[in-house]
Amino acid sequence: MSRLEDLSVAFRNEQIMKNDYNANDPYTSSHSDALSNGDELGKDELNGSVGGLTDIKTRKSLLIKNKFTSNNEYNSSNA
């Protein structure tokens, strides 16, 4: 192995140690960090919720100002 390869292997191993995901806990679409479960990480839909905590709070604050709701949805008949 060249000196560069030696350095790169050590650097890669150091970075992998910092990574939350590994062979025993891989990052997949069903991982808790991928799902919208009330933290900032997850963005994918879970129980009707989509986005991270800030996304959800912002959406709720904007919906208060919006005349369209789940009972009065935006569509071609009322646009």
N, C-alpha and C. Protein backbone atom coordinates (compact mmCIF):
# COMPACT_ATOMS: atom_id res chain seq x y z
N MET A 1 0.85 -1.19 0.00
CA MET A 1 0.00 0.00 0.00
C MET A 1 0.89 1.25 0.00
N SER A 2 0.48 2.24 -0.73
CA SER A 2 1.24 3.49 -0.78
C SER A 2 0.98 4.31 0.48
N ARG A 3 1.79 5.31 0.68
CA ARG A 3 1.63 6.19 1.85
C ARG A 3 0.26 6.88 1.81
N LEU A 4 -0.16 7.30 0.62
CA LEU A 4 -1.46 7.95 0.47
C LEU A 4 -2.60 7.00 0.86
N GLU A 5 -2.51 5.76 0.44
CA GLU A 5 -3.53 4.77 0.81
C GLU A 5 -3.55 4.53 2.31
N ASP A 6 -2.38 4.46 2.92
CA ASP A 6 -2.31 4.29 4.37
C ASP A 6 -3.02 5.43 5.09
N LEU A 7 -2.74 6.64 4.65
CA LEU A 7 -3.37 7.82 5.26
C LEU A 7 -4.87 7.83 5.03
N SER A 8 -5.28 7.45 3.82
CA SER A 8 -6.71 7.51 3.50
C SER A 8 -7.50 6.46 4.28
N VAL A 9 -6.92 5.29 4.50
CA VAL A 9 -7.61 4.25 5.27
C VAL A 9 -7.81 4.73 6.71
N ALA A 10 -6.77 5.30 7.30
CA ALA A 10 -6.88 5.82 8.67
C ALA A 10 -7.91 6.94 8.74
N PHE A 11 -7.90 7.84 7.76
CA PHE A 11 -8.85 8.95 7.74
C PHE A 11 -10.28 8.43 7.58
N ARG A 12 -10.49 7.47 6.68
CA ARG A 12 -11.82 6.91 6.47
C ARG A 12 -12.34 6.24 7.74
N ASN A 13 -11.49 5.47 8.41
CA ASN A 13 -11.90 4.82 9.65
C ASN A 13 -12.26 5.83 10.72
N GLU A 14 -11.54 6.93 10.77
CA GLU A 14 -11.84 7.99 11.74
C GLU A 14 -13.20 8.63 11.44
N GLN A 15 -13.51 8.84 10.17
CA GLN A 15 -14.79 9.43 9.79
C GLN A 15 -15.95 8.47 10.01
N ILE A 16 -15.73 7.20 9.76
CA ILE A 16 -16.77 6.20 9.97
C ILE A 16 -17.15 6.13 11.44
N MET A 17 -16.18 6.30 12.34
CA MET A 17 -16.47 6.27 13.77
C MET A 17 -17.43 7.39 14.16
N LYS A 18 -17.39 8.52 13.45
CA LYS A 18 -18.25 9.67 13.74
C LYS A 18 -19.66 9.48 13.18
N ASN A 19 -19.80 8.55 12.24
CA ASN A 19 -21.07 8.33 11.56
C ASN A 19 -22.02 7.54 12.46
N ASP A 20 -23.27 7.98 12.54
CA ASP A 20 -24.28 7.29 13.34
C ASP A 20 -24.70 5.96 12.71
N TYR A 21 -24.49 5.80 11.43
CA TYR A 21 -24.98 4.65 10.70
C TYR A 21 -23.84 3.67 10.43
N ASN A 22 -24.13 2.39 10.52
CA ASN A 22 -23.13 1.36 10.26
C ASN A 22 -23.84 0.11 9.74
N ALA A 23 -23.10 -0.97 9.60
CA ALA A 23 -23.67 -2.20 9.05
C ALA A 23 -24.80 -2.74 9.94
N ASN A 24 -24.71 -2.53 11.24
CA ASN A 24 -25.74 -3.01 12.16
C ASN A 24 -26.94 -2.07 12.23
N ASP A 25 -26.76 -0.82 11.86
CA ASP A 25 -27.83 0.19 11.92
C ASP A 25 -27.73 1.09 10.68
N PRO A 26 -28.01 0.54 9.48
CA PRO A 26 -27.85 1.32 8.26
C PRO A 26 -28.95 2.37 8.11
N TYR A 27 -28.62 3.42 7.37
CA TYR A 27 -29.61 4.46 7.08
C TYR A 27 -30.49 3.96 5.94
N THR A 28 -31.77 3.76 6.22
CA THR A 28 -32.73 3.32 5.22
C THR A 28 -33.98 4.18 5.33
N SER A 29 -34.92 3.97 4.44
CA SER A 29 -36.15 4.76 4.46
C SER A 29 -36.99 4.48 5.71
N SER A 30 -36.71 3.39 6.41
CA SER A 30 -37.46 3.10 7.63
C SER A 30 -36.70 3.47 8.90
N HIS A 31 -35.50 4.02 8.76
CA HIS A 31 -34.70 4.43 9.92
C HIS A 31 -35.38 5.60 10.62
N SER A 32 -35.28 5.67 11.93
CA SER A 32 -35.95 6.74 12.68
C SER A 32 -35.44 8.12 12.28
N ASP A 33 -34.19 8.22 11.81
CA ASP A 33 -33.66 9.51 11.37
C ASP A 33 -34.20 9.92 10.00
N ALA A 34 -34.86 9.00 9.29
CA ALA A 34 -35.42 9.32 7.99
C ALA A 34 -36.89 9.70 8.09
N LEU A 35 -37.52 9.33 9.18
CA LEU A 35 -38.97 9.53 9.32
C LEU A 35 -39.30 10.79 10.11
N SER A 36 -40.40 11.38 9.80
CA SER A 36 -40.87 12.59 10.48
C SER A 36 -41.51 12.18 11.80
N ASN A 37 -40.67 12.11 12.83
CA ASN A 37 -41.16 11.66 14.14
C ASN A 37 -41.05 12.74 15.21
N GLY A 38 -40.94 14.00 14.79
CA GLY A 38 -40.92 15.10 15.75
C GLY A 38 -39.55 15.68 16.01
N ASP A 39 -38.50 15.15 15.37
CA ASP A 39 -37.18 15.74 15.52
C ASP A 39 -36.83 16.52 14.25
N GLU A 40 -35.65 17.10 14.21
CA GLU A 40 -35.25 17.88 13.04
C GLU A 40 -34.74 17.02 11.89
N LEU A 41 -34.40 15.77 12.15
CA LEU A 41 -33.76 14.94 11.13
C LEU A 41 -34.71 14.39 10.09
N GLY A 42 -35.76 13.72 10.53
CA GLY A 42 -36.63 13.01 9.61
C GLY A 42 -37.47 13.92 8.75
N LYS A 43 -37.61 13.58 7.49
CA LYS A 43 -38.42 14.36 6.57
C LYS A 43 -39.53 13.54 5.92
N ASP A 44 -39.41 12.21 5.93
CA ASP A 44 -40.38 11.36 5.25
C ASP A 44 -41.64 11.17 6.09
N GLU A 45 -42.76 10.95 5.45
CA GLU A 45 -44.08 10.86 6.09
C GLU A 45 -44.13 9.76 7.15
N LEU A 46 -44.70 10.08 8.29
CA LEU A 46 -44.96 9.13 9.36
C LEU A 46 -46.24 9.56 10.07
N ASN A 47 -47.25 8.73 10.03
CA ASN A 47 -48.54 9.02 10.67
C ASN A 47 -49.14 10.35 10.22
N GLY A 48 -49.04 10.64 8.93
CA GLY A 48 -49.62 11.85 8.37
C GLY A 48 -48.78 13.10 8.57
N SER A 49 -47.64 12.99 9.20
CA SER A 49 -46.75 14.12 9.43
C SER A 49 -45.58 14.05 8.46
N VAL A 50 -45.22 15.19 7.87
CA VAL A 50 -44.12 15.24 6.91
C VAL A 50 -43.19 16.37 7.30
N GLY A 51 -41.89 16.11 7.29
CA GLY A 51 -40.90 17.14 7.56
C GLY A 51 -40.35 17.10 8.97
N GLY A 52 -39.31 17.88 9.18
CA GLY A 52 -38.71 18.02 10.49
C GLY A 52 -39.55 18.92 11.39
N LEU A 53 -39.13 19.06 12.62
CA LEU A 53 -39.88 19.84 13.60
C LEU A 53 -40.12 21.28 13.13
N THR A 54 -39.08 21.92 12.61
CA THR A 54 -39.22 23.30 12.12
C THR A 54 -40.17 23.36 10.94
N ASP A 55 -40.08 22.38 10.02
CA ASP A 55 -40.98 22.33 8.87
C ASP A 55 -42.44 22.27 9.33
N ILE A 56 -42.72 21.42 10.29
CA ILE A 56 -44.08 21.22 10.78
C ILE A 56 -44.61 22.48 11.45
N LYS A 57 -43.78 23.09 12.32
CA LYS A 57 -44.21 24.31 13.01
C LYS A 57 -44.46 25.45 12.02
N THR A 58 -43.58 25.59 11.04
CA THR A 58 -43.74 26.65 10.04
C THR A 58 -45.00 26.43 9.22
N ARG A 59 -45.23 25.19 8.80
CA ARG A 59 -46.42 24.88 8.01
C ARG A 59 -47.68 25.21 8.81
N LYS A 60 -47.70 24.84 10.09
CA LYS A 60 -48.89 25.12 10.91
C LYS A 60 -49.12 26.61 11.05
N SER A 61 -48.06 27.39 11.23
CA SER A 61 -48.23 28.84 11.38
C SER A 61 -48.71 29.47 10.08
N LEU A 62 -48.28 28.94 8.94
CA LEU A 62 -48.73 29.47 7.65
C LEU A 62 -50.16 29.06 7.33
N LEU A 63 -50.56 27.87 7.76
CA LEU A 63 -51.92 27.41 7.49
C LEU A 63 -52.96 28.24 8.23
N ILE A 64 -52.59 28.81 9.36
CA ILE A 64 -53.51 29.66 10.11
C ILE A 64 -53.94 30.85 9.27
N LYS A 65 -53.03 31.37 8.46
CA LYS A 65 -53.29 32.54 7.63
C LYS A 65 -53.96 32.19 6.30
N ASN A 66 -54.04 30.91 5.97
CA ASN A 66 -54.51 30.46 4.67
C ASN A 66 -56.02 30.20 4.71
N LYS A 67 -56.75 30.68 3.70
CA LYS A 67 -58.20 30.46 3.67
C LYS A 67 -58.56 29.04 3.24
N PHE A 68 -57.58 28.30 2.69
CA PHE A 68 -57.84 26.93 2.28
C PHE A 68 -57.48 25.98 3.40
N THR A 69 -58.36 25.03 3.68
CA THR A 69 -58.17 24.06 4.75
C THR A 69 -58.51 22.67 4.23
N SER A 70 -58.47 21.68 5.10
CA SER A 70 -58.86 20.34 4.67
C SER A 70 -60.34 20.29 4.32
N ASN A 71 -61.13 21.20 4.88
CA ASN A 71 -62.57 21.28 4.56
C ASN A 71 -62.84 22.17 3.34
N ASN A 72 -61.90 23.03 2.99
CA ASN A 72 -62.03 23.95 1.87
C ASN A 72 -60.72 23.89 1.08
N GLU A 73 -60.49 22.78 0.38
CA GLU A 73 -59.24 22.56 -0.32
C GLU A 73 -59.15 23.41 -1.57
N TYR A 74 -57.92 23.79 -1.92
CA TYR A 74 -57.64 24.53 -3.13
C TYR A 74 -57.80 23.61 -4.33
N ASN A 75 -58.63 23.98 -5.29
CA ASN A 75 -58.78 23.21 -6.52
C ASN A 75 -59.25 24.14 -7.63
N SER A 76 -59.49 23.59 -8.80
CA SER A 76 -59.83 24.42 -9.97
C SER A 76 -61.20 25.11 -9.82
N SER A 77 -62.08 24.57 -9.01
CA SER A 77 -63.41 25.18 -8.88
C SER A 77 -63.41 26.42 -7.98
N ASN A 78 -62.42 26.56 -7.10
CA ASN A 78 -62.42 27.75 -6.23
C ASN A 78 -61.14 28.56 -6.34
N ALA A 79 -60.36 28.32 -7.37
CA ALA A 79 -59.08 29.03 -7.54
C ALA A 79 -59.30 30.46 -8.00
